[in-house]
N, C-alpha and C. Protein backbone atom coordinates (compact mmCIF):
# COMPACT_ATOMS: atom_id res chain seq x y z
N MET A 1 174.54 101.65 152.97
CA MET A 1 173.22 101.29 152.53
C MET A 1 172.88 102.13 151.29
N PRO A 2 172.62 101.49 150.17
CA PRO A 2 172.33 102.23 148.94
C PRO A 2 171.03 103.02 149.06
N VAL A 3 171.02 104.16 148.42
CA VAL A 3 169.85 105.02 148.40
C VAL A 3 169.22 104.89 147.03
N ASP A 4 167.94 104.52 146.99
CA ASP A 4 167.26 104.36 145.71
C ASP A 4 166.65 105.69 145.27
N ILE A 5 166.88 106.03 144.00
CA ILE A 5 166.28 107.24 143.44
C ILE A 5 166.02 106.97 141.96
N ASP A 6 164.88 107.40 141.50
CA ASP A 6 164.49 107.20 140.11
C ASP A 6 164.99 108.40 139.29
N ILE A 7 166.18 108.24 138.72
CA ILE A 7 166.80 109.32 137.96
C ILE A 7 165.94 109.71 136.75
N ALA A 8 165.32 108.74 136.11
CA ALA A 8 164.48 109.04 134.95
C ALA A 8 163.32 109.94 135.36
N LYS A 9 162.72 109.69 136.52
CA LYS A 9 161.61 110.52 136.99
C LYS A 9 162.10 111.94 137.31
N VAL A 10 163.26 112.03 137.97
CA VAL A 10 163.81 113.35 138.30
C VAL A 10 164.11 114.11 137.01
N ALA A 11 164.68 113.44 136.02
CA ALA A 11 164.98 114.08 134.74
C ALA A 11 163.70 114.55 134.06
N ARG A 12 162.65 113.72 134.10
CA ARG A 12 161.37 114.11 133.50
C ARG A 12 160.80 115.34 134.21
N LEU A 13 160.84 115.34 135.55
CA LEU A 13 160.32 116.48 136.30
C LEU A 13 161.08 117.76 135.99
N ALA A 14 162.41 117.62 135.77
CA ALA A 14 163.24 118.77 135.45
C ALA A 14 163.22 119.10 133.96
N ARG A 15 162.47 118.29 133.20
CA ARG A 15 162.37 118.46 131.75
C ARG A 15 163.75 118.41 131.08
N ILE A 16 164.52 117.40 131.49
CA ILE A 16 165.85 117.18 130.92
C ILE A 16 165.84 115.84 130.20
N ALA A 17 166.23 115.84 128.95
CA ALA A 17 166.29 114.61 128.17
C ALA A 17 167.66 113.97 128.40
N LEU A 18 167.67 112.74 128.92
CA LEU A 18 168.92 112.03 129.18
C LEU A 18 168.93 110.71 128.44
N SER A 19 170.09 110.35 127.93
CA SER A 19 170.24 109.05 127.28
C SER A 19 170.33 107.97 128.36
N ASP A 20 170.24 106.70 127.95
CA ASP A 20 170.34 105.60 128.90
C ASP A 20 171.69 105.61 129.61
N GLU A 21 172.76 105.95 128.87
CA GLU A 21 174.09 106.00 129.46
C GLU A 21 174.16 107.10 130.52
N GLU A 22 173.57 108.26 130.21
CA GLU A 22 173.56 109.37 131.16
C GLU A 22 172.74 109.03 132.40
N LEU A 23 171.60 108.36 132.20
CA LEU A 23 170.79 107.95 133.34
C LEU A 23 171.57 107.03 134.27
N GLU A 24 172.31 106.11 133.71
CA GLU A 24 173.11 105.18 134.52
C GLU A 24 174.23 105.93 135.24
N LEU A 25 174.95 106.79 134.51
CA LEU A 25 176.06 107.54 135.10
C LEU A 25 175.57 108.45 136.22
N TYR A 26 174.53 109.24 135.94
CA TYR A 26 174.03 110.18 136.95
C TYR A 26 173.40 109.43 138.12
N GLY A 27 172.82 108.29 137.85
CA GLY A 27 172.26 107.47 138.93
C GLY A 27 173.35 107.01 139.89
N ARG A 28 174.47 106.55 139.35
CA ARG A 28 175.59 106.13 140.20
C ARG A 28 176.15 107.32 140.99
N GLN A 29 176.34 108.45 140.30
CA GLN A 29 176.92 109.62 140.96
C GLN A 29 176.00 110.16 142.05
N LEU A 30 174.72 110.28 141.75
CA LEU A 30 173.78 110.79 142.74
C LEU A 30 173.64 109.81 143.90
N GLY A 31 173.68 108.53 143.60
CA GLY A 31 173.62 107.53 144.67
C GLY A 31 174.80 107.66 145.62
N ALA A 32 175.99 107.89 145.07
CA ALA A 32 177.19 108.06 145.92
C ALA A 32 177.06 109.32 146.76
N ILE A 33 176.54 110.39 146.20
CA ILE A 33 176.36 111.64 146.95
C ILE A 33 175.37 111.43 148.08
N LEU A 34 174.24 110.78 147.79
CA LEU A 34 173.22 110.57 148.82
C LEU A 34 173.71 109.62 149.91
N GLU A 35 174.48 108.61 149.54
CA GLU A 35 175.05 107.71 150.55
C GLU A 35 176.00 108.46 151.46
N HIS A 36 176.81 109.34 150.90
CA HIS A 36 177.73 110.13 151.71
C HIS A 36 176.94 111.04 152.66
N ALA A 37 175.89 111.69 152.15
CA ALA A 37 175.07 112.55 153.00
C ALA A 37 174.43 111.75 154.12
N GLU A 38 174.03 110.53 153.84
CA GLU A 38 173.44 109.67 154.87
C GLU A 38 174.47 109.31 155.93
N ARG A 39 175.71 109.05 155.53
CA ARG A 39 176.77 108.74 156.51
C ARG A 39 177.07 109.96 157.38
N VAL A 40 177.10 111.16 156.77
CA VAL A 40 177.34 112.38 157.53
C VAL A 40 176.20 112.62 158.52
N GLN A 41 174.97 112.38 158.07
CA GLN A 41 173.81 112.60 158.93
C GLN A 41 173.81 111.63 160.12
N ALA A 42 174.43 110.48 159.98
CA ALA A 42 174.45 109.48 161.05
C ALA A 42 175.52 109.77 162.10
N LEU A 43 176.37 110.76 161.90
CA LEU A 43 177.43 111.07 162.86
C LEU A 43 176.83 111.55 164.18
N PRO A 44 177.48 111.21 165.32
CA PRO A 44 176.98 111.69 166.61
C PRO A 44 177.32 113.17 166.80
N THR A 45 176.31 114.01 166.77
CA THR A 45 176.54 115.45 166.87
C THR A 45 175.88 116.07 168.09
N GLU A 46 175.46 115.24 169.05
CA GLU A 46 174.85 115.78 170.25
C GLU A 46 175.89 116.62 170.99
N GLY A 47 175.51 117.81 171.39
CA GLY A 47 176.40 118.68 172.14
C GLY A 47 177.37 119.48 171.28
N VAL A 48 177.31 119.32 169.98
CA VAL A 48 178.19 120.06 169.09
C VAL A 48 177.46 121.33 168.65
N GLU A 49 178.08 122.47 168.90
CA GLU A 49 177.47 123.74 168.53
C GLU A 49 177.46 123.91 167.01
N PRO A 50 176.35 124.39 166.45
CA PRO A 50 176.32 124.66 165.01
C PRO A 50 177.29 125.78 164.66
N THR A 51 177.99 125.63 163.55
CA THR A 51 178.94 126.65 163.11
C THR A 51 178.80 126.86 161.61
N SER A 52 179.28 127.99 161.15
CA SER A 52 179.31 128.24 159.71
C SER A 52 180.70 128.00 159.16
N HIS A 53 181.68 127.81 160.06
CA HIS A 53 183.06 127.61 159.64
C HIS A 53 183.76 126.79 160.73
N PRO A 54 184.64 125.88 160.35
CA PRO A 54 185.28 125.04 161.36
C PRO A 54 186.28 125.77 162.25
N LEU A 55 186.79 126.90 161.82
CA LEU A 55 187.76 127.66 162.61
C LEU A 55 187.12 128.94 163.10
N PRO A 56 187.48 129.38 164.31
CA PRO A 56 186.91 130.65 164.78
C PRO A 56 187.41 131.81 163.91
N MET A 57 186.47 132.65 163.53
CA MET A 57 186.82 133.77 162.66
C MET A 57 186.17 135.04 163.19
N THR A 58 186.83 136.15 162.99
CA THR A 58 186.24 137.44 163.31
C THR A 58 186.36 138.32 162.07
N ASN A 59 185.37 139.16 161.90
CA ASN A 59 185.40 140.08 160.76
C ASN A 59 186.39 141.20 161.04
N ALA A 60 187.15 141.54 160.05
CA ALA A 60 188.13 142.62 160.19
C ALA A 60 187.58 143.86 159.51
N PHE A 61 186.63 144.50 160.18
CA PHE A 61 186.06 145.72 159.64
C PHE A 61 186.93 146.91 159.98
N ARG A 62 186.91 147.88 159.16
CA ARG A 62 187.61 149.12 159.46
C ARG A 62 186.62 150.26 159.33
N ASP A 63 186.92 151.34 159.97
CA ASP A 63 186.05 152.50 159.88
C ASP A 63 186.13 153.09 158.48
N ASP A 64 184.98 153.56 157.99
CA ASP A 64 184.97 154.25 156.70
C ASP A 64 185.60 155.62 156.88
N GLU A 65 186.56 155.91 156.04
CA GLU A 65 187.23 157.21 156.10
C GLU A 65 187.25 157.82 154.71
N VAL A 66 186.88 159.07 154.62
CA VAL A 66 186.95 159.78 153.35
C VAL A 66 188.39 160.22 153.18
N THR A 67 189.00 159.79 152.08
CA THR A 67 190.42 160.10 151.87
C THR A 67 190.61 161.15 150.78
N GLY A 68 189.54 161.73 150.35
CA GLY A 68 189.65 162.72 149.29
C GLY A 68 188.92 162.23 148.06
N SER A 69 188.74 163.09 147.11
CA SER A 69 188.05 162.69 145.90
C SER A 69 188.91 163.04 144.70
N LEU A 70 188.54 162.46 143.59
CA LEU A 70 189.27 162.73 142.36
C LEU A 70 188.86 164.09 141.80
N ASP A 71 189.75 164.69 141.08
CA ASP A 71 189.44 165.97 140.44
C ASP A 71 188.49 165.70 139.28
N ARG A 72 187.33 166.33 139.30
CA ARG A 72 186.29 166.10 138.30
C ARG A 72 186.78 166.34 136.89
N ASP A 73 187.51 167.41 136.66
CA ASP A 73 187.97 167.73 135.31
C ASP A 73 188.95 166.68 134.79
N VAL A 74 189.81 166.17 135.66
CA VAL A 74 190.78 165.13 135.25
C VAL A 74 190.05 163.86 134.86
N VAL A 75 189.05 163.48 135.66
CA VAL A 75 188.31 162.25 135.38
C VAL A 75 187.49 162.40 134.10
N LEU A 76 186.79 163.52 133.96
CA LEU A 76 185.94 163.71 132.78
C LEU A 76 186.75 163.81 131.49
N CYS A 77 187.97 164.32 131.55
CA CYS A 77 188.76 164.40 130.31
C CYS A 77 189.22 163.01 129.85
N GLN A 78 189.15 162.01 130.73
CA GLN A 78 189.53 160.64 130.36
C GLN A 78 188.32 159.81 129.91
N ALA A 79 187.11 160.36 130.06
CA ALA A 79 185.90 159.64 129.68
C ALA A 79 185.74 159.66 128.16
N PRO A 80 185.13 158.61 127.59
CA PRO A 80 184.90 158.62 126.14
C PRO A 80 184.03 159.80 125.72
N GLU A 81 182.99 160.13 126.52
CA GLU A 81 182.13 161.27 126.21
C GLU A 81 181.72 161.93 127.51
N ALA A 82 181.66 163.24 127.51
CA ALA A 82 181.19 163.99 128.67
C ALA A 82 180.28 165.10 128.18
N GLU A 83 179.36 165.47 129.05
CA GLU A 83 178.45 166.57 128.73
C GLU A 83 178.36 167.44 129.97
N GLY A 84 179.00 168.60 129.92
CA GLY A 84 179.05 169.44 131.11
C GLY A 84 179.84 168.71 132.20
N PRO A 85 179.33 168.71 133.42
CA PRO A 85 180.06 168.04 134.51
C PRO A 85 179.69 166.57 134.67
N TYR A 86 179.13 165.93 133.62
CA TYR A 86 178.63 164.55 133.73
C TYR A 86 179.23 163.66 132.65
N PHE A 87 179.23 162.35 132.93
CA PHE A 87 179.58 161.36 131.91
C PHE A 87 178.39 161.23 130.97
N ARG A 88 178.65 161.09 129.69
CA ARG A 88 177.58 160.84 128.73
C ARG A 88 177.65 159.36 128.36
N VAL A 89 176.51 158.68 128.51
CA VAL A 89 176.45 157.25 128.22
C VAL A 89 175.33 156.99 127.23
N PRO A 90 175.37 155.88 126.52
CA PRO A 90 174.32 155.57 125.54
C PRO A 90 172.97 155.35 126.25
N ARG A 91 171.90 155.74 125.59
CA ARG A 91 170.56 155.51 126.11
C ARG A 91 170.27 154.01 126.08
N ILE A 92 169.72 153.48 127.17
CA ILE A 92 169.40 152.06 127.19
C ILE A 92 167.91 151.81 127.32
N LEU A 93 167.14 152.82 127.65
CA LEU A 93 165.68 152.68 127.76
C LEU A 93 165.02 153.41 126.61
N GLU A 94 163.92 152.84 126.14
CA GLU A 94 163.18 153.45 125.04
C GLU A 94 162.33 154.59 125.58
N GLY A 95 161.98 155.52 124.70
CA GLY A 95 161.07 156.60 125.08
C GLY A 95 161.81 157.92 125.20
N GLU A 96 161.01 158.95 125.45
CA GLU A 96 161.49 160.31 125.61
C GLU A 96 162.32 160.75 124.46
């Protein structure tokens, strides 16, 4: 069953200028999408549990472990600019 939608009205509401060819093309494409959604909505889903994924999945979390840190002097000597024990970066905010 075809789904009627006024593509020109939707384009006007979205403030999008479309040519006649684009209106026809997008009208056909959107009509096909809406017809497919209507067919999916008509499927018998009584008793089917809602899911976010068709396959059962479990999260594979791991414990956070501190494995050590980098040597500050080694890291800072590779930085483009450093000032004392800190990275020096360009100012991005006005003032001061």
